């Protein structure tokens, strides 16, 4: 079996973090394209004669794009947090399995 197929069939490594990174980059590209489209719309609005609306769009488009980018990053980090917590708990489990003697500072009831 190839290493990729073996990795897909075994559950030793989670695919979630890789998928979250891919979704993050795709979403970031969509946000950048939407921001560029909003700026282009603002320029066309200015060229059409609507100075007030075009100026507001010209100011608001980068601000909304930046806010959307921060929000998107936050949402992806929340998903990554779940996977990182799972991996950390696995490390803790492995460390506890290697500890043969009980902790002398832990009270025995």
C-alpha atoms as a PDB file:
ATOM      1  CA  UNK A   1       0.000   0.000   0.000  1.00  0.00           C
ATOM      2  CA  UNK A   2       1.177   3.517  -0.681  1.00  0.00           C
ATOM      3  CA  UNK A   3       1.792   5.753   2.333  1.00  0.00           C
ATOM      4  CA  UNK A   4      -1.089   8.053   1.358  1.00  0.00           C
ATOM      5  CA  UNK A   5      -3.608   5.211   1.183  1.00  0.00           C
ATOM      6  CA  UNK A   6      -2.263   3.731   4.410  1.00  0.00           C
ATOM      7  CA  UNK A   7      -2.606   7.101   6.127  1.00  0.00           C
ATOM      8  CA  UNK A   8      -6.184   7.467   4.851  1.00  0.00           C
ATOM      9  CA  UNK A   9      -7.181   4.022   6.108  1.00  0.00           C
ATOM     10  CA  UNK A  10      -5.572   4.299   9.534  1.00  0.00           C
ATOM     11  CA  UNK A  11      -6.701   6.663  12.230  1.00  0.00           C
ATOM     12  CA  UNK A  12      -3.255   7.325  13.666  1.00  0.00           C
ATOM     13  CA  UNK A  13      -3.192  10.846  12.235  1.00  0.00           C
ATOM     14  CA  UNK A  14      -6.209  13.103  11.951  1.00  0.00           C
ATOM     15  CA  UNK A  15      -7.038  14.672   8.599  1.00  0.00           C
ATOM     16  CA  UNK A  16      -8.994  17.504  10.204  1.00  0.00           C
ATOM     17  CA  UNK A  17      -6.121  19.964  10.680  1.00  0.00           C
ATOM     18  CA  UNK A  18      -5.110  19.623   7.031  1.00  0.00           C
ATOM     19  CA  UNK A  19      -8.678  20.079   5.879  1.00  0.00           C
ATOM     20  CA  UNK A  20      -9.137  23.140   8.084  1.00  0.00           C
ATOM     21  CA  UNK A  21      -6.020  24.698   6.547  1.00  0.00           C
ATOM     22  CA  UNK A  22      -7.336  24.066   3.024  1.00  0.00           C
ATOM     23  CA  UNK A  23     -10.753  25.503   3.889  1.00  0.00           C
ATOM     24  CA  UNK A  24      -9.042  28.503   5.496  1.00  0.00           C
ATOM     25  CA  UNK A  25      -7.022  29.311   2.384  1.00  0.00           C
ATOM     26  CA  UNK A  26     -10.027  28.879   0.086  1.00  0.00           C
ATOM     27  CA  UNK A  27     -12.134  31.126   2.320  1.00  0.00           C
ATOM     28  CA  UNK A  28      -9.357  33.728   2.509  1.00  0.00           C
ATOM     29  CA  UNK A  29      -9.135  33.773  -1.287  1.00  0.00           C
ATOM     30  CA  UNK A  30     -12.905  34.262  -1.527  1.00  0.00           C
ATOM     31  CA  UNK A  31     -12.750  37.138   0.980  1.00  0.00           C
ATOM     32  CA  UNK A  32      -9.955  38.824  -0.988  1.00  0.00           C
ATOM     33  CA  UNK A  33     -11.873  38.411  -4.267  1.00  0.00           C
ATOM     34  CA  UNK A  34     -15.040  39.800  -2.687  1.00  0.00           C
ATOM     35  CA  UNK A  35     -13.074  42.766  -1.342  1.00  0.00           C
ATOM     36  CA  UNK A  36     -11.579  43.426  -4.769  1.00  0.00           C
ATOM     37  CA  UNK A  37     -15.049  43.198  -6.297  1.00  0.00           C
ATOM     38  CA  UNK A  38     -16.401  45.669  -3.758  1.00  0.00           C
ATOM     39  CA  UNK A  39     -13.575  48.107  -4.522  1.00  0.00           C
ATOM     40  CA  UNK A  40     -14.254  47.758  -8.248  1.00  0.00           C
ATOM     41  CA  UNK A  41     -17.942  48.432  -7.622  1.00  0.00           C
ATOM     42  CA  UNK A  42     -16.992  51.528  -5.631  1.00  0.00           C
ATOM     43  CA  UNK A  43     -14.874  52.803  -8.517  1.00  0.00           C
ATOM     44  CA  UNK A  44     -17.717  52.208 -10.981  1.00  0.00           C
ATOM     45  CA  UNK A  45     -20.108  54.003  -8.632  1.00  0.00           C
ATOM     46  CA  UNK A  46     -17.744  56.973  -8.475  1.00  0.00           C
ATOM     47  CA  UNK A  47     -17.429  56.945 -12.265  1.00  0.00           C
ATOM     48  CA  UNK A  48     -21.215  56.807 -12.563  1.00  0.00           C
ATOM     49  CA  UNK A  49     -21.574  60.096 -10.737  1.00  0.00           C
ATOM     50  CA  UNK A  50     -22.654  58.949  -7.286  1.00  0.00           C
ATOM     51  CA  UNK A  51     -19.806  60.581  -5.368  1.00  0.00           C
ATOM     52  CA  UNK A  52     -21.196  60.056  -1.858  1.00  0.00           C
ATOM     53  CA  UNK A  53     -22.111  56.389  -2.325  1.00  0.00           C
ATOM     54  CA  UNK A  54     -18.885  55.593  -4.124  1.00  0.00           C
ATOM     55  CA  UNK A  55     -16.779  57.286  -1.445  1.00  0.00           C
ATOM     56  CA  UNK A  56     -18.556  55.387   1.351  1.00  0.00           C
ATOM     57  CA  UNK A  57     -18.094  52.116  -0.525  1.00  0.00           C
ATOM     58  CA  UNK A  58     -14.442  52.941  -1.094  1.00  0.00           C
ATOM     59  CA  UNK A  59     -13.933  53.352   2.657  1.00  0.00           C
ATOM     60  CA  UNK A  60     -16.223  50.535   3.814  1.00  0.00           C
ATOM     61  CA  UNK A  61     -15.012  47.776   1.453  1.00  0.00           C
ATOM     62  CA  UNK A  62     -11.516  47.356   2.954  1.00  0.00           C
ATOM     63  CA  UNK A  63     -12.870  47.666   6.497  1.00  0.00           C
ATOM     64  CA  UNK A  64     -15.507  44.981   5.921  1.00  0.00           C
ATOM     65  CA  UNK A  65     -12.947  42.789   4.145  1.00  0.00           C
ATOM     66  CA  UNK A  66     -10.537  43.078   7.083  1.00  0.00           C
ATOM     67  CA  UNK A  67     -13.292  42.292   9.603  1.00  0.00           C
ATOM     68  CA  UNK A  68     -14.405  39.278   7.551  1.00  0.00           C
ATOM     69  CA  UNK A  69     -10.820  38.052   7.338  1.00  0.00           C
ATOM     70  CA  UNK A  70     -10.341  38.284  11.130  1.00  0.00           C
ATOM     71  CA  UNK A  71     -13.663  36.533  11.742  1.00  0.00           C
ATOM     72  CA  UNK A  72     -12.794  33.762   9.258  1.00  0.00           C
ATOM     73  CA  UNK A  73      -9.413  33.237  10.941  1.00  0.00           C
ATOM     74  CA  UNK A  74     -11.113  33.051  14.354  1.00  0.00           C
ATOM     75  CA  UNK A  75     -13.625  30.445  13.169  1.00  0.00           C
ATOM     76  CA  UNK A  76     -10.910  28.267  11.628  1.00  0.00           C
ATOM     77  CA  UNK A  77      -8.840  28.531  14.806  1.00  0.00           C
ATOM     78  CA  UNK A  78     -11.812  27.293  16.824  1.00  0.00           C
ATOM     79  CA  UNK A  79     -11.972  24.173  14.677  1.00  0.00           C
ATOM     80  CA  UNK A  80      -8.207  23.705  14.981  1.00  0.00           C
ATOM     81  CA  UNK A  81      -8.507  24.010  18.751  1.00  0.00           C
ATOM     82  CA  UNK A  82     -10.664  20.894  18.903  1.00  0.00           C
ATOM     83  CA  UNK A  83      -8.107  18.856  16.974  1.00  0.00           C
ATOM     84  CA  UNK A  84      -5.191  20.208  18.998  1.00  0.00           C
ATOM     85  CA  UNK A  85      -6.981  19.398  22.258  1.00  0.00           C
ATOM     86  CA  UNK A  86      -7.554  15.833  21.046  1.00  0.00           C
ATOM     87  CA  UNK A  87      -3.870  15.431  20.180  1.00  0.00           C
ATOM     88  CA  UNK A  88      -2.798  16.900  23.522  1.00  0.00           C
ATOM     89  CA  UNK A  89      -5.085  14.524  25.404  1.00  0.00           C
ATOM     90  CA  UNK A  90      -3.492  11.635  23.522  1.00  0.00           C
ATOM     91  CA  UNK A  91      -0.055  12.831  24.625  1.00  0.00           C
ATOM     92  CA  UNK A  92      -1.257  13.051  28.231  1.00  0.00           C
ATOM     93  CA  UNK A  93      -2.704   9.533  28.006  1.00  0.00           C
ATOM     94  CA  UNK A  94       0.594   8.191  26.696  1.00  0.00           C
ATOM     95  CA  UNK A  95       2.538   9.932  29.452  1.00  0.00           C
ATOM     96  CA  UNK A  96       0.222   8.570  32.134  1.00  0.00           C
ATOM     97  CA  UNK A  97       0.476   5.053  30.725  1.00  0.00           C
ATOM     98  CA  UNK A  98       4.268   5.215  31.142  1.00  0.00           C
ATOM     99  CA  UNK A  99       4.037   6.284  34.792  1.00  0.00           C
ATOM    100  CA  UNK A 100       4.219   3.057  36.814  1.00  0.00           C
ATOM    101  CA  UNK A 101       4.560   4.459  40.325  1.00  0.00           C
ATOM    102  CA  UNK A 102       1.808   6.602  41.805  1.00  0.00           C
ATOM    103  CA  UNK A 103       2.540  10.246  42.466  1.00  0.00           C
ATOM    104  CA  UNK A 104       3.645  10.660  46.118  1.00  0.00           C
ATOM    105  CA  UNK A 105       2.023  14.102  46.289  1.00  0.00           C
ATOM    106  CA  UNK A 106      -1.350  12.763  45.205  1.00  0.00           C
ATOM    107  CA  UNK A 107      -3.531  11.885  48.205  1.00  0.00           C
ATOM    108  CA  UNK A 108      -4.691   8.290  48.395  1.00  0.00           C
ATOM    109  CA  UNK A 109      -8.283   7.953  49.566  1.00  0.00           C
END
